[in-house]
Amino acid sequence: MVETLTLAEHLDALRGALVAFARYADRAGLDARVPTTPDWTVRQLVAHQGMVHRWAASLVRGEQIDPDAVERDGRSSADPLDWLRDGAIEVVQAIHDAPDDLDAVVFLRDAPPAKRFWARRQCHETTMHAVDALSAALGRYPKADDTWIEPALALDGIDELLTGFITRSKSRLRSEEPMTILVDPTDSERRWLVRVGDQPAVTERLDPGAALDDEADVVLTGPAVALYLTLWNRSDEVAPEGAWDIWTEGSPIRW
């Protein structure tokens, strides 16, 4: 596990994402459709995120809740944005209060210890769904310059996705013919090489300046924030070099 942000930085970024989420959700209106998650309205998006915050807080505290019931509460709330804020406060407080050696479930590969894991996971969960709210306010997929996201946060989110999510056995990212995907931010020395085949993907963090044995089949390059949005399927700003359908079909993360 390569840690690029501290616990405090993840929690600060979570709070910043929550502020952006509420701002853009209010601007779009609760009945607006969400271009980046087209099956949802803003109200449904808010209810989902507020449920995830409360679910994560319950896991950190060693409790159990009924996620479906919580999400229904969010959808029927008289003030969904206040309800969203309450859930964010709850999960931040739960993580802050947890012991450093927290014993709680984690579900990604190459994960940091549980307390750090949940701060990181909820940071990027909230950031991506705040981007969804932004897309509703814009009426389109956002571009990097539309967002508040800093490159350091984007690089951390890219790493979580490439090393933690798509390498799981349940990931649907597969290819009958083995292939490689190079993720190469133009504003950082960090790079990742993803090997995709008929088994779970394998991601290698490349050393700065390291040469590849062979040319990658797909090269995704651009500023870190644009890559972050593209890899999480929230933007079409970066055009990859090579066939990209395998990623857009196999990488989406579903609850």
Protein backbone atom coordinates (compact mmCIF):
# COMPACT_ATOMS: atom_id res chain seq x y z
CA MET A 1 0.00 0.00 0.00
CA VAL A 2 1.40 3.38 -1.06
CA GLU A 3 -0.10 6.17 1.04
CA THR A 4 -0.16 9.57 -0.57
CA LEU A 5 -2.60 11.44 1.69
CA THR A 6 -2.82 11.52 5.47
CA LEU A 7 -5.90 10.61 7.48
CA ALA A 8 -6.54 14.30 8.12
CA GLU A 9 -6.21 15.10 4.42
CA HIS A 10 -8.71 12.40 3.48
CA LEU A 11 -11.22 13.69 6.03
CA ASP A 12 -10.68 17.30 4.93
CA ALA A 13 -11.24 16.27 1.30
CA LEU A 14 -14.40 14.41 2.32
CA ARG A 15 -15.70 17.58 3.96
CA GLY A 16 -14.80 19.61 0.88
CA ALA A 17 -16.59 17.14 -1.37
CA LEU A 18 -19.68 17.31 0.85
CA VAL A 19 -19.76 21.11 0.51
CA ALA A 20 -19.50 20.79 -3.28
CA PHE A 21 -22.12 18.03 -3.34
CA ALA A 22 -24.67 20.11 -1.45
CA ARG A 23 -23.96 23.21 -3.54
CA TYR A 24 -24.39 21.50 -6.88
CA ALA A 25 -27.35 19.38 -5.78
CA ASP A 26 -29.14 22.53 -4.63
CA ARG A 27 -28.28 24.30 -7.88
CA ALA A 28 -29.54 21.41 -10.02
CA GLY A 29 -32.71 20.73 -8.02
CA LEU A 30 -33.78 17.43 -6.48
CA ASP A 31 -35.78 16.33 -9.53
CA ALA A 32 -32.96 16.90 -12.04
CA ARG A 33 -31.51 13.93 -13.89
CA VAL A 34 -27.87 13.04 -13.34
CA PRO A 35 -25.95 12.62 -16.64
CA THR A 36 -23.13 10.58 -15.07
CA THR A 37 -25.58 8.20 -13.34
CA PRO A 38 -28.56 8.41 -15.74
CA ASP A 39 -30.82 6.07 -13.78
CA TRP A 40 -30.91 8.54 -10.87
CA THR A 41 -32.38 11.90 -10.04
CA VAL A 42 -30.51 14.20 -7.68
CA ARG A 43 -32.85 13.13 -4.86
CA GLN A 44 -31.90 9.49 -5.44
CA LEU A 45 -28.22 10.41 -5.61
CA VAL A 46 -28.44 12.27 -2.30
CA ALA A 47 -30.27 9.37 -0.66
CA HIS A 48 -27.67 6.88 -1.88
CA GLN A 49 -24.73 8.93 -0.63
CA GLY A 50 -26.35 9.63 2.72
CA MET A 51 -27.04 5.92 3.13
CA VAL A 52 -23.42 5.03 2.32
CA HIS A 53 -22.15 7.52 4.90
CA ARG A 54 -24.37 6.03 7.60
CA TRP A 55 -23.52 2.46 6.52
CA ALA A 56 -19.79 3.20 6.69
CA ALA A 57 -20.17 4.86 10.08
CA SER A 58 -22.00 1.80 11.38
CA LEU A 59 -19.22 -0.52 10.20
CA VAL A 60 -16.58 1.65 11.84
CA ARG A 61 -18.56 1.56 15.10
CA GLY A 62 -19.17 -2.19 14.86
CA GLU A 63 -22.92 -1.80 14.44
CA GLN A 64 -25.46 -2.94 11.86
CA ILE A 65 -28.08 -0.98 9.94
CA ASP A 66 -30.56 -1.74 7.18
CA PRO A 67 -29.14 0.15 4.16
CA ASP A 68 -32.37 -0.10 2.16
CA ALA A 69 -34.41 1.39 5.01
CA VAL A 70 -31.89 4.19 5.49
CA GLU A 71 -31.95 5.03 1.79
CA ARG A 72 -35.75 5.16 1.84
CA ASP A 73 -35.53 7.60 4.73
CA GLY A 74 -33.25 9.79 2.66
CA ARG A 75 -35.57 9.81 -0.32
CA SER A 76 -38.55 10.80 1.83
CA SER A 77 -36.70 13.35 3.96
CA ALA A 78 -38.29 16.78 4.16
CA ASP A 79 -34.82 18.31 3.66
CA PRO A 80 -32.61 15.78 1.84
CA LEU A 81 -29.56 18.07 1.80
CA ASP A 82 -29.62 18.54 5.57
CA TRP A 83 -30.05 14.77 5.86
CA LEU A 84 -27.00 14.35 3.61
CA ARG A 85 -24.94 16.70 5.76
CA ASP A 86 -25.93 14.83 8.92
CA GLY A 87 -24.68 11.56 7.46
CA ALA A 88 -21.37 13.09 6.44
CA ILE A 89 -20.88 14.50 9.93
CA GLU A 90 -21.67 11.07 11.34
CA VAL A 91 -19.11 9.17 9.28
CA VAL A 92 -16.36 11.76 9.79
CA GLN A 93 -16.96 11.67 13.55
CA ALA A 94 -17.00 7.87 13.61
CA ILE A 95 -13.68 7.66 11.77
CA HIS A 96 -12.12 10.42 13.87
CA ASP A 97 -13.15 8.69 17.12
CA ALA A 98 -12.05 5.20 16.03
CA PRO A 99 -8.83 3.79 17.52
CA ASP A 100 -5.79 3.70 15.28
CA ASP A 101 -5.87 -0.10 15.44
CA LEU A 102 -9.55 -0.26 14.48
CA ASP A 103 -10.75 -3.80 13.80
CA ALA A 104 -13.34 -3.36 11.03
CA VAL A 105 -14.08 -4.90 7.66
CA VAL A 106 -12.21 -3.64 4.59
CA PHE A 107 -13.08 -4.86 1.12
CA LEU A 108 -10.38 -3.72 -1.29
CA ARG A 109 -7.10 -5.33 -2.20
CA ASP A 110 -3.88 -3.68 -1.05
CA ALA A 111 -5.92 -1.78 1.55
CA PRO A 112 -4.49 0.38 4.34
CA PRO A 113 -5.45 -0.34 7.97
CA ALA A 114 -9.18 -0.06 8.66
CA LYS A 115 -9.27 3.48 10.03
CA ARG A 116 -7.22 4.82 7.13
CA PHE A 117 -9.17 2.63 4.68
CA TRP A 118 -12.54 4.08 5.65
CA ALA A 119 -11.29 7.68 5.55
CA ARG A 120 -9.87 7.10 2.08
CA ARG A 121 -12.87 5.15 0.78
CA GLN A 122 -15.45 7.67 1.98
CA CYS A 123 -13.33 10.54 0.70
CA HIS A 124 -13.39 9.20 -2.85
CA GLU A 125 -16.96 7.91 -2.60
CA THR A 126 -18.14 11.39 -1.66
CA THR A 127 -15.94 13.09 -4.23
CA MET A 128 -17.26 10.97 -7.10
CA HIS A 129 -20.88 11.46 -6.12
CA ALA A 130 -20.26 15.20 -5.71
CA VAL A 131 -19.04 15.07 -9.32
CA ASP A 132 -22.36 13.40 -10.15
CA ALA A 133 -24.17 16.33 -8.54
CA LEU A 134 -21.99 18.70 -10.54
CA SER A 135 -22.98 16.87 -13.74
CA ALA A 136 -26.64 17.41 -12.83
CA ALA A 137 -26.03 21.12 -12.35
CA LEU A 138 -24.14 21.36 -15.65
CA GLY A 139 -26.47 19.05 -17.59
CA ARG A 140 -23.45 17.18 -19.01
CA TYR A 141 -20.36 15.22 -18.12
CA PRO A 142 -17.96 17.56 -16.29
CA LYS A 143 -14.39 18.37 -17.24
CA ALA A 144 -11.48 18.66 -14.85
CA ASP A 145 -11.59 22.47 -14.87
CA ASP A 146 -15.25 22.39 -13.78
CA THR A 147 -14.30 20.73 -10.49
CA TRP A 148 -12.68 21.72 -7.20
CA ILE A 149 -10.47 18.59 -7.15
CA GLU A 150 -6.72 18.90 -6.59
CA PRO A 151 -4.17 16.69 -8.40
CA ALA A 152 -2.95 15.04 -5.17
CA LEU A 153 -6.46 13.83 -4.39
CA ALA A 154 -6.93 12.65 -7.97
CA LEU A 155 -3.70 10.63 -7.91
CA ASP A 156 -4.78 8.98 -4.66
CA GLY A 157 -8.17 8.13 -6.16
CA ILE A 158 -6.59 6.69 -9.28
CA ASP A 159 -4.40 4.48 -7.11
CA GLU A 160 -7.34 3.25 -5.04
CA LEU A 161 -9.29 2.31 -8.16
CA LEU A 162 -6.43 0.66 -10.02
CA THR A 163 -4.91 -1.27 -7.13
CA GLY A 164 -7.92 -1.79 -4.88
CA PHE A 165 -11.08 -2.13 -6.95
CA ILE A 166 -10.32 -3.55 -10.38
CA THR A 167 -7.95 -6.20 -9.01
CA ARG A 168 -10.67 -7.87 -6.92
CA SER A 169 -12.00 -11.27 -7.91
CA LYS A 170 -15.49 -9.79 -8.33
CA SER A 171 -14.26 -7.17 -10.80
CA ARG A 172 -15.78 -7.58 -14.28
CA LEU A 173 -12.73 -6.14 -16.04
CA ARG A 174 -11.67 -9.07 -18.22
CA SER A 175 -10.31 -9.69 -21.72
CA GLU A 176 -10.18 -12.92 -23.69
CA GLU A 177 -6.93 -11.68 -25.23
CA PRO A 178 -4.36 -10.44 -22.67
CA MET A 179 -3.79 -6.70 -22.88
CA THR A 180 -2.17 -3.88 -20.94
CA ILE A 181 -3.37 -0.39 -20.02
CA LEU A 182 -0.86 2.34 -19.12
CA VAL A 183 -2.18 5.20 -16.98
CA ASP A 184 0.28 8.05 -17.32
CA PRO A 185 -0.54 11.44 -15.69
CA THR A 186 1.20 14.35 -17.37
CA ASP A 187 1.53 16.29 -14.10
CA SER A 188 3.06 13.55 -11.97
CA GLU A 189 5.83 10.96 -12.11
CA ARG A 190 3.41 8.32 -10.85
CA ARG A 191 2.29 5.74 -13.43
CA TRP A 192 0.36 2.48 -13.34
CA LEU A 193 0.39 -0.50 -15.69
CA VAL A 194 -2.76 -2.65 -15.64
CA ARG A 195 -2.60 -6.16 -17.05
CA VAL A 196 -6.02 -7.46 -18.10
CA GLY A 197 -6.81 -11.05 -19.07
CA ASP A 198 -9.34 -13.76 -18.21
CA GLN A 199 -8.44 -13.54 -14.51
CA PRO A 200 -8.60 -10.52 -12.15
CA ALA A 201 -6.52 -7.60 -13.39
CA VAL A 202 -3.05 -7.06 -11.98
CA THR A 203 -1.85 -3.50 -11.42
CA GLU A 204 1.80 -2.51 -11.12
CA ARG A 205 2.90 0.83 -9.74
CA LEU A 206 5.76 1.87 -12.00
CA ASP A 207 8.90 3.48 -10.65
CA PRO A 208 9.57 6.99 -12.00
CA GLY A 209 11.35 6.76 -15.31
CA ALA A 210 10.95 2.98 -15.54
CA ALA A 211 10.89 1.67 -19.10
CA LEU A 212 8.19 -0.75 -20.23
CA ASP A 213 9.19 -4.12 -21.64
CA ASP A 214 6.57 -3.73 -24.38
CA GLU A 215 4.36 -0.93 -25.62
CA ALA A 216 1.02 -0.84 -23.80
CA ASP A 217 -2.08 -1.74 -25.78
CA VAL A 218 -3.99 1.23 -24.36
CA VAL A 219 -2.40 4.47 -23.15
CA LEU A 220 -4.42 6.88 -21.04
CA THR A 221 -2.58 10.14 -20.51
CA GLY A 222 -3.52 13.63 -19.40
CA PRO A 223 -3.71 15.73 -16.23
CA ALA A 224 -4.34 13.73 -13.05
CA VAL A 225 -7.80 15.19 -12.38
CA ALA A 226 -8.96 14.44 -15.93
CA LEU A 227 -7.66 10.87 -15.60
CA TYR A 228 -9.38 10.46 -12.21
CA LEU A 229 -12.73 11.47 -13.69
CA THR A 230 -12.23 9.36 -16.82
CA LEU A 231 -11.19 6.21 -14.97
CA TRP A 232 -14.21 6.53 -12.68
CA ASN A 233 -16.37 6.96 -15.81
CA ARG A 234 -17.36 10.51 -14.89
CA SER A 235 -15.86 12.35 -17.85
CA ASP A 236 -15.08 11.88 -21.52
CA GLU A 237 -12.46 14.62 -21.54
CA VAL A 238 -9.46 12.34 -22.06
CA ALA A 239 -9.40 10.27 -25.24
CA PRO A 240 -7.35 7.08 -24.71
CA GLU A 241 -4.98 5.73 -27.31
CA GLY A 242 -6.33 2.25 -28.06
CA ALA A 243 -9.58 0.34 -27.58
CA TRP A 244 -11.38 1.65 -24.48
CA ASP A 245 -14.64 -0.31 -24.52
CA ILE A 246 -13.15 -2.99 -22.29
CA TRP A 247 -12.70 -0.40 -19.54
CA THR A 248 -16.04 1.36 -19.82
CA GLU A 249 -17.88 -1.97 -19.83
CA GLY A 250 -15.86 -3.75 -17.15
CA SER A 251 -14.75 -1.14 -14.64
CA PRO A 252 -17.94 0.52 -13.26
CA ILE A 253 -18.33 0.07 -9.50
CA ARG A 254 -21.82 -0.89 -8.36
CA TRP A 255 -23.29 -0.94 -4.85
